[in-house]
Amino acid sequence: MEELLTDSKVKMQKTIESFQNNLSKIRTGRANISLLDHISIDYYGTLTPLSQVAAVNVADSSTLTIQPYEKNFSAVIEKVIRESDLGLNPVGVGDLIRVPMPPLTEERRKDLIKVVKSEGESSKISVRNIRRDSNDELKKLTKNKEISEDEERRLQDIIQKNTDTFIAEIDSMIDIKEKDLLTI
C-alpha cells in the first residue's frame, strides 16, 4: 500500500516538475538562460544542446550572451536561434553573440497568459488521472480481498489530499507566472 501511495506521489511530483520546466520556457521579457534550453545545434552531424557547444550567460535583465566554444559555430548558433519559435534576433559581435529580449506587447502578454493557463490545466488533468489510476488500483485490491474497504477509504483520502496539494501548487505557479508576465 505504501508503494502505491509513494508511486502516485512521485508521478504527481514529476508532473509538477514538467509543468515548471514548461513555464521556464515561456519568456517574461527578462533574460533567462533556460529560455534557450531546448535549442539544439548540428554539431558535426549530431544534434547537441546549445549549452554543450557554448557558454550562455545573462548580460543584463534584457540581454543574453552566448560564447561559442568553437568560433566557427557563431553563425550556426545565430541562425538556429533566429529560426526558433522564440521570436529572438541574435546579433554577432566578434566571437560573442548577443541576444536582446524584445519587450512584450500587451497582446502578447495576454496570449502568453492563456498558454500558461492551458499548460496548467493540462498538468492538473494529469494529476487527476494519476489519482484515478491509483484509486482504480485500490478498488482492484479491495475486490481481490487484499485490503479492507476501510483501508481503501483511508488510502483514497490520502491520495485525494496529495492531489489537492499538487493542484494547489499548480494554481500557485500559474498565479506567479501570470503576475510575472503582467509586470512590465
N, C-alpha and C. Protein backbone atom coordinates (compact mmCIF):
# COMPACT_ATOMS: atom_id res chain seq x y z
N MET A 1 0.82 -1.19 0.00
CA MET A 1 0.00 0.00 0.00
C MET A 1 0.86 1.26 0.00
N GLU A 2 1.92 1.22 0.80
CA GLU A 2 2.82 2.37 0.85
C GLU A 2 3.47 2.60 -0.52
N GLU A 3 3.73 1.50 -1.21
CA GLU A 3 4.33 1.60 -2.54
C GLU A 3 3.39 2.31 -3.50
N LEU A 4 2.10 2.00 -3.41
CA LEU A 4 1.09 2.64 -4.26
C LEU A 4 1.02 4.13 -3.97
N LEU A 5 1.01 4.49 -2.69
CA LEU A 5 0.97 5.91 -2.30
C LEU A 5 2.23 6.64 -2.77
N THR A 6 3.36 6.03 -2.54
CA THR A 6 4.63 6.65 -2.93
C THR A 6 4.69 6.81 -4.45
N ASP A 7 4.27 5.78 -5.16
CA ASP A 7 4.30 5.81 -6.62
C ASP A 7 3.42 6.94 -7.17
N SER A 8 2.21 7.08 -6.62
CA SER A 8 1.32 8.14 -7.10
C SER A 8 1.88 9.52 -6.77
N LYS A 9 2.48 9.65 -5.59
CA LYS A 9 3.05 10.94 -5.19
C LYS A 9 4.24 11.30 -6.07
N VAL A 10 5.08 10.32 -6.40
CA VAL A 10 6.23 10.57 -7.27
C VAL A 10 5.76 11.00 -8.66
N LYS A 11 4.74 10.33 -9.18
CA LYS A 11 4.21 10.68 -10.50
C LYS A 11 3.65 12.10 -10.50
N MET A 12 2.95 12.46 -9.43
CA MET A 12 2.40 13.81 -9.33
C MET A 12 3.52 14.84 -9.25
N GLN A 13 4.58 14.52 -8.52
CA GLN A 13 5.72 15.42 -8.40
C GLN A 13 6.39 15.62 -9.75
N LYS A 14 6.50 14.54 -10.54
CA LYS A 14 7.09 14.65 -11.87
C LYS A 14 6.23 15.53 -12.77
N THR A 15 4.92 15.47 -12.60
CA THR A 15 4.02 16.34 -13.37
C THR A 15 4.30 17.80 -13.02
N ILE A 16 4.49 18.09 -11.74
CA ILE A 16 4.81 19.46 -11.30
C ILE A 16 6.13 19.91 -11.91
N GLU A 17 7.14 19.04 -11.87
CA GLU A 17 8.45 19.39 -12.42
C GLU A 17 8.36 19.66 -13.92
N SER A 18 7.59 18.86 -14.62
CA SER A 18 7.41 19.06 -16.06
C SER A 18 6.72 20.40 -16.33
N PHE A 19 5.70 20.71 -15.52
CA PHE A 19 4.99 21.98 -15.67
C PHE A 19 5.93 23.14 -15.39
N GLN A 20 6.74 23.00 -14.37
CA GLN A 20 7.71 24.06 -14.03
C GLN A 20 8.71 24.26 -15.17
N ASN A 21 9.14 23.17 -15.76
CA ASN A 21 10.05 23.24 -16.89
C ASN A 21 9.40 23.95 -18.07
N ASN A 22 8.13 23.64 -18.34
CA ASN A 22 7.41 24.30 -19.43
C ASN A 22 7.24 25.79 -19.15
N LEU A 23 6.98 26.13 -17.89
CA LEU A 23 6.82 27.55 -17.54
C LEU A 23 8.12 28.33 -17.75
N SER A 24 9.25 27.70 -17.48
CA SER A 24 10.52 28.40 -17.60
C SER A 24 10.83 28.74 -19.05
N LYS A 25 10.19 28.05 -19.98
CA LYS A 25 10.42 28.33 -21.40
C LYS A 25 9.56 29.48 -21.92
N ILE A 26 8.56 29.87 -21.14
CA ILE A 26 7.71 30.99 -21.53
C ILE A 26 8.36 32.26 -21.04
N ARG A 27 8.76 33.10 -21.97
CA ARG A 27 9.55 34.26 -21.59
C ARG A 27 8.69 35.38 -21.04
N THR A 28 9.26 36.13 -20.14
CA THR A 28 8.53 37.22 -19.48
C THR A 28 9.12 38.58 -19.81
N GLY A 29 9.99 38.66 -20.79
CA GLY A 29 10.60 39.94 -21.11
C GLY A 29 11.96 40.11 -20.46
N ARG A 30 12.25 39.26 -19.48
CA ARG A 30 13.55 39.30 -18.82
C ARG A 30 14.42 38.18 -19.37
N ALA A 31 15.69 38.43 -19.43
CA ALA A 31 16.63 37.43 -19.92
C ALA A 31 16.74 36.29 -18.92
N ASN A 32 16.70 35.07 -19.44
CA ASN A 32 16.79 33.87 -18.61
C ASN A 32 17.42 32.78 -19.47
N ILE A 33 18.51 32.19 -18.99
CA ILE A 33 19.23 31.21 -19.82
C ILE A 33 18.39 29.97 -20.10
N SER A 34 17.40 29.66 -19.26
CA SER A 34 16.57 28.47 -19.51
C SER A 34 15.71 28.65 -20.75
N LEU A 35 15.60 29.88 -21.22
CA LEU A 35 14.85 30.17 -22.44
C LEU A 35 15.43 29.42 -23.64
N LEU A 36 16.74 29.20 -23.62
CA LEU A 36 17.42 28.56 -24.76
C LEU A 36 17.69 27.07 -24.52
N ASP A 37 17.14 26.50 -23.45
CA ASP A 37 17.41 25.10 -23.11
C ASP A 37 17.03 24.12 -24.20
N HIS A 38 15.96 24.40 -24.92
CA HIS A 38 15.51 23.43 -25.93
C HIS A 38 16.15 23.65 -27.30
N ILE A 39 17.06 24.61 -27.41
CA ILE A 39 17.76 24.87 -28.67
C ILE A 39 18.89 23.86 -28.84
N SER A 40 18.93 23.21 -30.00
CA SER A 40 19.99 22.24 -30.30
C SER A 40 20.69 22.66 -31.59
N ILE A 41 21.99 22.40 -31.65
CA ILE A 41 22.85 22.78 -32.77
C ILE A 41 23.35 21.52 -33.46
N ASP A 42 23.44 21.58 -34.78
CA ASP A 42 24.03 20.46 -35.53
C ASP A 42 25.55 20.56 -35.34
N TYR A 43 26.06 19.75 -34.43
CA TYR A 43 27.47 19.78 -34.06
C TYR A 43 28.15 18.57 -34.68
N TYR A 44 28.76 18.78 -35.83
CA TYR A 44 29.43 17.71 -36.58
C TYR A 44 28.52 16.51 -36.80
N GLY A 45 27.29 16.80 -37.24
CA GLY A 45 26.35 15.74 -37.59
C GLY A 45 25.49 15.23 -36.44
N THR A 46 25.67 15.77 -35.25
CA THR A 46 24.89 15.34 -34.09
C THR A 46 24.16 16.53 -33.50
N LEU A 47 22.84 16.38 -33.26
CA LEU A 47 22.10 17.46 -32.62
C LEU A 47 22.53 17.53 -31.15
N THR A 48 23.10 18.67 -30.78
CA THR A 48 23.67 18.86 -29.46
C THR A 48 23.04 20.08 -28.80
N PRO A 49 22.66 19.99 -27.52
CA PRO A 49 22.09 21.17 -26.83
C PRO A 49 23.06 22.35 -26.87
N LEU A 50 22.50 23.53 -27.00
CA LEU A 50 23.30 24.76 -27.08
C LEU A 50 24.25 24.88 -25.89
N SER A 51 23.81 24.48 -24.71
CA SER A 51 24.63 24.62 -23.51
C SER A 51 25.91 23.77 -23.56
N GLN A 52 25.96 22.78 -24.48
CA GLN A 52 27.15 21.93 -24.59
C GLN A 52 28.14 22.43 -25.65
N VAL A 53 27.70 23.38 -26.48
CA VAL A 53 28.60 23.92 -27.50
C VAL A 53 28.95 25.38 -27.26
N ALA A 54 28.32 25.99 -26.24
CA ALA A 54 28.58 27.40 -25.97
C ALA A 54 28.24 27.72 -24.52
N ALA A 55 28.87 28.78 -24.03
CA ALA A 55 28.56 29.28 -22.69
C ALA A 55 27.45 30.32 -22.82
N VAL A 56 26.34 30.09 -22.14
CA VAL A 56 25.20 31.01 -22.19
C VAL A 56 25.13 31.74 -20.85
N ASN A 57 25.10 33.08 -20.91
CA ASN A 57 25.06 33.89 -19.70
C ASN A 57 24.05 35.01 -19.83
N VAL A 58 23.65 35.58 -18.70
CA VAL A 58 22.77 36.74 -18.67
C VAL A 58 23.66 37.97 -18.52
N ALA A 59 23.66 38.83 -19.55
CA ALA A 59 24.48 40.04 -19.50
C ALA A 59 23.79 41.10 -18.63
N ASP A 60 22.51 41.30 -18.86
CA ASP A 60 21.71 42.20 -18.04
C ASP A 60 20.27 41.70 -18.10
N SER A 61 19.33 42.45 -17.56
CA SER A 61 17.96 41.97 -17.46
C SER A 61 17.28 41.75 -18.81
N SER A 62 17.85 42.31 -19.87
CA SER A 62 17.21 42.15 -21.17
C SER A 62 18.14 41.60 -22.25
N THR A 63 19.28 41.05 -21.86
CA THR A 63 20.23 40.53 -22.86
C THR A 63 20.90 39.25 -22.39
N LEU A 64 20.91 38.27 -23.30
CA LEU A 64 21.69 37.05 -23.07
C LEU A 64 22.95 37.15 -23.92
N THR A 65 24.02 36.54 -23.45
CA THR A 65 25.23 36.45 -24.27
C THR A 65 25.58 34.98 -24.44
N ILE A 66 26.06 34.67 -25.63
CA ILE A 66 26.45 33.30 -25.95
C ILE A 66 27.88 33.33 -26.46
N GLN A 67 28.74 32.58 -25.82
CA GLN A 67 30.15 32.49 -26.21
C GLN A 67 30.39 31.06 -26.71
N PRO A 68 30.42 30.86 -28.06
CA PRO A 68 30.65 29.50 -28.59
C PRO A 68 32.05 29.01 -28.20
N TYR A 69 32.14 27.71 -27.91
CA TYR A 69 33.44 27.13 -27.58
C TYR A 69 34.33 27.05 -28.83
N GLU A 70 33.70 26.96 -29.99
CA GLU A 70 34.44 26.98 -31.26
C GLU A 70 33.93 28.16 -32.08
N LYS A 71 34.83 29.01 -32.53
CA LYS A 71 34.46 30.24 -33.21
C LYS A 71 33.61 30.01 -34.46
N ASN A 72 33.87 28.93 -35.19
CA ASN A 72 33.17 28.71 -36.46
C ASN A 72 31.69 28.35 -36.27
N PHE A 73 31.23 28.21 -35.03
CA PHE A 73 29.82 27.88 -34.80
C PHE A 73 28.96 29.11 -34.51
N SER A 74 29.55 30.30 -34.49
CA SER A 74 28.79 31.51 -34.19
C SER A 74 27.63 31.70 -35.17
N ALA A 75 27.90 31.60 -36.46
CA ALA A 75 26.86 31.81 -37.47
C ALA A 75 25.77 30.75 -37.37
N VAL A 76 26.15 29.51 -37.10
CA VAL A 76 25.18 28.42 -36.98
C VAL A 76 24.26 28.67 -35.78
N ILE A 77 24.85 29.06 -34.66
CA ILE A 77 24.07 29.32 -33.45
C ILE A 77 23.10 30.48 -33.69
N GLU A 78 23.58 31.56 -34.31
CA GLU A 78 22.72 32.70 -34.62
C GLU A 78 21.53 32.27 -35.47
N LYS A 79 21.80 31.48 -36.50
CA LYS A 79 20.76 31.04 -37.42
C LYS A 79 19.71 30.18 -36.71
N VAL A 80 20.16 29.25 -35.88
CA VAL A 80 19.22 28.35 -35.17
C VAL A 80 18.34 29.15 -34.21
N ILE A 81 18.90 30.10 -33.50
CA ILE A 81 18.11 30.92 -32.57
C ILE A 81 17.12 31.78 -33.34
N ARG A 82 17.56 32.37 -34.43
CA ARG A 82 16.70 33.22 -35.24
C ARG A 82 15.52 32.42 -35.80
N GLU A 83 15.76 31.17 -36.20
CA GLU A 83 14.71 30.35 -36.81
C GLU A 83 13.84 29.63 -35.78
N SER A 84 14.20 29.72 -34.49
CA SER A 84 13.39 29.06 -33.46
C SER A 84 12.07 29.82 -33.30
N ASP A 85 11.17 29.23 -32.52
CA ASP A 85 9.86 29.84 -32.29
C ASP A 85 9.87 30.89 -31.18
N LEU A 86 11.05 31.32 -30.77
CA LEU A 86 11.15 32.25 -29.65
C LEU A 86 11.00 33.72 -30.04
N GLY A 87 11.12 34.01 -31.32
CA GLY A 87 10.99 35.40 -31.76
C GLY A 87 12.16 36.26 -31.35
N LEU A 88 13.35 35.68 -31.30
CA LEU A 88 14.56 36.41 -30.89
C LEU A 88 15.41 36.71 -32.11
N ASN A 89 16.18 37.80 -32.03
CA ASN A 89 17.04 38.21 -33.13
C ASN A 89 18.47 38.39 -32.61
N PRO A 90 19.27 37.31 -32.62
CA PRO A 90 20.64 37.41 -32.11
C PRO A 90 21.54 38.26 -33.00
N VAL A 91 22.55 38.89 -32.37
CA VAL A 91 23.48 39.75 -33.09
C VAL A 91 24.90 39.29 -32.75
N GLY A 92 25.67 38.97 -33.79
CA GLY A 92 27.05 38.55 -33.58
C GLY A 92 27.96 39.75 -33.42
N VAL A 93 28.79 39.74 -32.36
CA VAL A 93 29.76 40.80 -32.11
C VAL A 93 31.09 40.10 -31.88
N GLY A 94 31.85 39.93 -32.96
CA GLY A 94 33.10 39.19 -32.85
C GLY A 94 32.81 37.73 -32.53
N ASP A 95 33.42 37.23 -31.45
CA ASP A 95 33.19 35.85 -31.03
C ASP A 95 31.92 35.70 -30.17
N LEU A 96 31.38 36.81 -29.74
CA LEU A 96 30.25 36.81 -28.82
C LEU A 96 28.93 37.03 -29.57
N ILE A 97 27.89 36.33 -29.14
CA ILE A 97 26.56 36.53 -29.71
C ILE A 97 25.69 37.15 -28.63
N ARG A 98 25.10 38.31 -28.96
CA ARG A 98 24.20 38.97 -28.02
C ARG A 98 22.77 38.69 -28.46
N VAL A 99 21.92 38.34 -27.50
CA VAL A 99 20.51 38.05 -27.80
C VAL A 99 19.65 39.00 -26.96
N PRO A 100 19.23 40.13 -27.56
CA PRO A 100 18.37 41.06 -26.82
C PRO A 100 16.95 40.52 -26.71
N MET A 101 16.33 40.72 -25.55
CA MET A 101 14.95 40.30 -25.34
C MET A 101 14.04 41.46 -25.73
N PRO A 102 13.24 41.28 -26.80
CA PRO A 102 12.34 42.37 -27.17
C PRO A 102 11.25 42.54 -26.11
N PRO A 103 10.82 43.79 -25.89
CA PRO A 103 9.75 43.99 -24.90
C PRO A 103 8.46 43.32 -25.38
N LEU A 104 7.70 42.80 -24.42
CA LEU A 104 6.45 42.14 -24.76
C LEU A 104 5.33 43.16 -24.91
N THR A 105 4.52 43.00 -25.95
CA THR A 105 3.35 43.86 -26.11
C THR A 105 2.24 43.36 -25.19
N GLU A 106 1.26 44.21 -24.95
CA GLU A 106 0.13 43.83 -24.08
C GLU A 106 -0.59 42.60 -24.66
N GLU A 107 -0.77 42.60 -25.97
CA GLU A 107 -1.46 41.48 -26.61
C GLU A 107 -0.67 40.18 -26.44
N ARG A 108 0.63 40.26 -26.63
CA ARG A 108 1.48 39.07 -26.49
C ARG A 108 1.47 38.57 -25.04
N ARG A 109 1.44 39.48 -24.09
CA ARG A 109 1.37 39.09 -22.68
C ARG A 109 0.09 38.29 -22.41
N LYS A 110 -1.03 38.77 -22.94
CA LYS A 110 -2.31 38.08 -22.74
C LYS A 110 -2.30 36.71 -23.40
N ASP A 111 -1.68 36.61 -24.58
CA ASP A 111 -1.56 35.32 -25.25
C ASP A 111 -0.72 34.35 -24.42
N LEU A 112 0.37 34.85 -23.85
CA LEU A 112 1.23 34.00 -23.02
C LEU A 112 0.51 33.55 -21.75
N ILE A 113 -0.33 34.41 -21.19
CA ILE A 113 -1.11 34.02 -20.00
C ILE A 113 -2.06 32.89 -20.36
N LYS A 114 -2.67 32.96 -21.55
CA LYS A 114 -3.55 31.88 -22.00
C LYS A 114 -2.77 30.58 -22.13
N VAL A 115 -1.55 30.67 -22.66
CA VAL A 115 -0.70 29.48 -22.80
C VAL A 115 -0.38 28.91 -21.42
N VAL A 116 -0.04 29.78 -20.46
CA VAL A 116 0.29 29.34 -19.10
C VAL A 116 -0.90 28.62 -18.48
N LYS A 117 -2.09 29.22 -18.62
CA LYS A 117 -3.29 28.60 -18.03
C LYS A 117 -3.61 27.27 -18.70
N SER A 118 -3.40 27.20 -20.00
CA SER A 118 -3.64 25.95 -20.73
C SER A 118 -2.68 24.85 -20.26
N GLU A 119 -1.41 25.21 -20.13
CA GLU A 119 -0.40 24.26 -19.63
C GLU A 119 -0.75 23.82 -18.21
N GLY A 120 -1.20 24.76 -17.41
CA GLY A 120 -1.58 24.46 -16.03
C GLY A 120 -2.75 23.49 -15.98
N GLU A 121 -3.74 23.73 -16.83
CA GLU A 121 -4.90 22.84 -16.87
C GLU A 121 -4.50 21.44 -17.30
N SER A 122 -3.60 21.35 -18.27
CA SER A 122 -3.11 20.04 -18.71
C SER A 122 -2.40 19.31 -17.56
N SER A 123 -1.64 20.05 -16.79
CA SER A 123 -0.94 19.45 -15.65
C SER A 123 -1.93 18.99 -14.58
N LYS A 124 -2.98 19.79 -14.34
CA LYS A 124 -3.99 19.39 -13.37
C LYS A 124 -4.69 18.11 -13.82
N ILE A 125 -5.00 18.03 -15.09
CA ILE A 125 -5.64 16.83 -15.64
C ILE A 125 -4.74 15.62 -15.44
N SER A 126 -3.46 15.82 -15.67
CA SER A 126 -2.50 14.72 -15.48
C SER A 126 -2.49 14.25 -14.03
N VAL A 127 -2.51 15.19 -13.08
CA VAL A 127 -2.53 14.84 -11.66
C VAL A 127 -3.81 14.08 -11.32
N ARG A 128 -4.93 14.55 -11.87
CA ARG A 128 -6.21 13.88 -11.60
C ARG A 128 -6.23 12.47 -12.20
N ASN A 129 -5.61 12.30 -13.36
CA ASN A 129 -5.52 10.97 -13.97
C ASN A 129 -4.70 10.02 -13.10
N ILE A 130 -3.65 10.54 -12.51
CA ILE A 130 -2.83 9.72 -11.61
C ILE A 130 -3.67 9.30 -10.40
N ARG A 131 -4.47 10.24 -9.87
CA ARG A 131 -5.37 9.92 -8.75
C ARG A 131 -6.35 8.82 -9.16
N ARG A 132 -6.95 8.97 -10.34
CA ARG A 132 -7.92 7.98 -10.81
C ARG A 132 -7.27 6.60 -10.94
N ASP A 133 -6.09 6.55 -11.53
CA ASP A 133 -5.39 5.26 -11.69
C ASP A 133 -5.08 4.62 -10.34
N SER A 134 -4.67 5.43 -9.38
CA SER A 134 -4.36 4.92 -8.04
C SER A 134 -5.63 4.39 -7.36
N ASN A 135 -6.72 5.13 -7.49
CA ASN A 135 -7.98 4.69 -6.90
C ASN A 135 -8.48 3.40 -7.56
N ASP A 136 -8.30 3.28 -8.86
CA ASP A 136 -8.68 2.05 -9.57
C ASP A 136 -7.88 0.86 -9.04
N GLU A 137 -6.61 1.10 -8.80
CA GLU A 137 -5.75 0.05 -8.26
C GLU A 137 -6.22 -0.37 -6.86
N LEU A 138 -6.63 0.61 -6.05
CA LEU A 138 -7.15 0.31 -4.72
C LEU A 138 -8.44 -0.52 -4.80
N LYS A 139 -9.30 -0.17 -5.76
CA LYS A 139 -10.55 -0.93 -5.92
C LYS A 139 -10.27 -2.37 -6.31
N LYS A 140 -9.27 -2.59 -7.15
CA LYS A 140 -8.90 -3.95 -7.53
C LYS A 140 -8.42 -4.74 -6.31
N LEU A 141 -7.61 -4.08 -5.48
CA LEU A 141 -7.10 -4.74 -4.28
C LEU A 141 -8.24 -5.08 -3.32
N THR A 142 -9.21 -4.20 -3.21
CA THR A 142 -10.36 -4.45 -2.33
C THR A 142 -11.20 -5.60 -2.89
N LYS A 143 -11.40 -5.57 -4.19
CA LYS A 143 -12.19 -6.62 -4.85
C LYS A 143 -11.54 -7.99 -4.66
N ASN A 144 -10.21 -8.03 -4.71
CA ASN A 144 -9.47 -9.29 -4.53
C ASN A 144 -9.27 -9.63 -3.06
N LYS A 145 -9.89 -8.84 -2.17
CA LYS A 145 -9.82 -9.06 -0.72
C LYS A 145 -8.40 -8.96 -0.16
N GLU A 146 -7.55 -8.15 -0.84
CA GLU A 146 -6.19 -7.94 -0.32
C GLU A 146 -6.16 -6.84 0.73
N ILE A 147 -7.13 -5.91 0.62
CA ILE A 147 -7.27 -4.87 1.65
C ILE A 147 -8.75 -4.73 1.99
N SER A 148 -9.02 -4.15 3.17
CA SER A 148 -10.42 -3.96 3.58
C SER A 148 -10.98 -2.69 2.96
N GLU A 149 -12.30 -2.54 3.02
CA GLU A 149 -12.93 -1.33 2.48
C GLU A 149 -12.53 -0.10 3.29
N ASP A 150 -12.37 -0.29 4.60
CA ASP A 150 -11.92 0.83 5.44
C ASP A 150 -10.52 1.29 5.03
N GLU A 151 -9.66 0.33 4.79
CA GLU A 151 -8.29 0.63 4.36
C GLU A 151 -8.32 1.35 3.01
N GLU A 152 -9.20 0.89 2.11
CA GLU A 152 -9.33 1.52 0.80
C GLU A 152 -9.74 2.98 0.96
N ARG A 153 -10.75 3.24 1.79
CA ARG A 153 -11.20 4.62 2.00
C ARG A 153 -10.10 5.49 2.61
N ARG A 154 -9.38 4.93 3.56
CA ARG A 154 -8.29 5.67 4.20
C ARG A 154 -7.22 6.05 3.17
N LEU A 155 -6.86 5.10 2.31
CA LEU A 155 -5.84 5.35 1.28
C LEU A 155 -6.36 6.33 0.23
N GLN A 156 -7.64 6.21 -0.12
CA GLN A 156 -8.21 7.16 -1.09
C GLN A 156 -8.18 8.58 -0.53
N ASP A 157 -8.42 8.72 0.75
CA ASP A 157 -8.35 10.04 1.38
C ASP A 157 -6.94 10.61 1.30
N ILE A 158 -5.95 9.77 1.54
CA ILE A 158 -4.55 10.22 1.46
C ILE A 158 -4.23 10.64 0.03
N ILE A 159 -4.65 9.83 -0.93
CA ILE A 159 -4.40 10.16 -2.35
C ILE A 159 -5.10 11.47 -2.72
N GLN A 160 -6.33 11.67 -2.22
CA GLN A 160 -7.06 12.91 -2.51
C GLN A 160 -6.35 14.11 -1.90
N LYS A 161 -5.82 13.97 -0.69
CA LYS A 161 -5.08 15.07 -0.07
C LYS A 161 -3.83 15.42 -0.88
N ASN A 162 -3.13 14.39 -1.36
CA ASN A 162 -1.97 14.62 -2.22
C ASN A 162 -2.38 15.34 -3.50
N THR A 163 -3.48 14.90 -4.08
CA THR A 163 -3.98 15.51 -5.31
C THR A 163 -4.30 16.99 -5.07
N ASP A 164 -5.02 17.28 -3.99
CA ASP A 164 -5.37 18.66 -3.66
C ASP A 164 -4.12 19.52 -3.46
N THR A 165 -3.12 18.96 -2.80
CA THR A 165 -1.87 19.69 -2.56
C THR A 165 -1.18 20.04 -3.88
N PHE A 166 -1.08 19.06 -4.77
CA PHE A 166 -0.38 19.30 -6.03
C PHE A 166 -1.17 20.24 -6.94
N ILE A 167 -2.49 20.15 -6.93
CA ILE A 167 -3.29 21.07 -7.74
C ILE A 167 -3.17 22.49 -7.21
N ALA A 168 -3.12 22.65 -5.89
CA ALA A 168 -2.92 23.98 -5.29
C ALA A 168 -1.55 24.53 -5.68
N GLU A 169 -0.56 23.66 -5.73
CA GLU A 169 0.79 24.09 -6.13
C GLU A 169 0.79 24.55 -7.59
N ILE A 170 0.09 23.84 -8.46
CA ILE A 170 -0.02 24.23 -9.87
C ILE A 170 -0.71 25.59 -9.96
N ASP A 171 -1.81 25.78 -9.22
CA ASP A 171 -2.51 27.06 -9.23
C ASP A 171 -1.60 28.19 -8.78
N SER A 172 -0.81 27.93 -7.76
CA SER A 172 0.12 28.93 -7.25
C SER A 172 1.16 29.29 -8.31
N MET A 173 1.68 28.27 -9.00
CA MET A 173 2.67 28.51 -10.05
C MET A 173 2.06 29.32 -11.19
N ILE A 174 0.81 29.04 -11.54
CA ILE A 174 0.12 29.80 -12.59
C ILE A 174 0.00 31.26 -12.17
N ASP A 175 -0.43 31.50 -10.93
CA ASP A 175 -0.58 32.88 -10.44
C ASP A 175 0.73 33.65 -10.47
N ILE A 176 1.79 32.99 -10.03
CA ILE A 176 3.11 33.64 -10.01
C ILE A 176 3.55 33.99 -11.43
N LYS A 177 3.39 33.06 -12.36
CA LYS A 177 3.81 33.31 -13.74
C LYS A 177 2.94 34.40 -14.37
N GLU A 178 1.64 34.41 -14.05
CA GLU A 178 0.74 35.43 -14.59
C GLU A 178 1.16 36.82 -14.11
N LYS A 179 1.46 36.94 -12.81
CA LYS A 179 1.93 38.22 -12.27
C LYS A 179 3.25 38.63 -12.92
N ASP A 180 4.12 37.64 -13.13
CA ASP A 180 5.41 37.88 -13.76
C ASP A 180 5.22 38.40 -15.18
N LEU A 181 4.27 37.84 -15.91
CA LEU A 181 4.01 38.26 -17.29
C LEU A 181 3.38 39.65 -17.34
N LEU A 182 2.57 39.98 -16.37
CA LEU A 182 1.89 41.28 -16.38
C LEU A 182 2.78 42.41 -15.86
N THR A 183 3.89 42.05 -15.19
CA THR A 183 4.82 43.07 -14.69
C THR A 183 5.65 43.59 -15.86
N ILE A 184 5.66 44.89 -16.01
CA ILE A 184 6.42 45.49 -17.14
C ILE A 184 7.78 45.89 -16.69
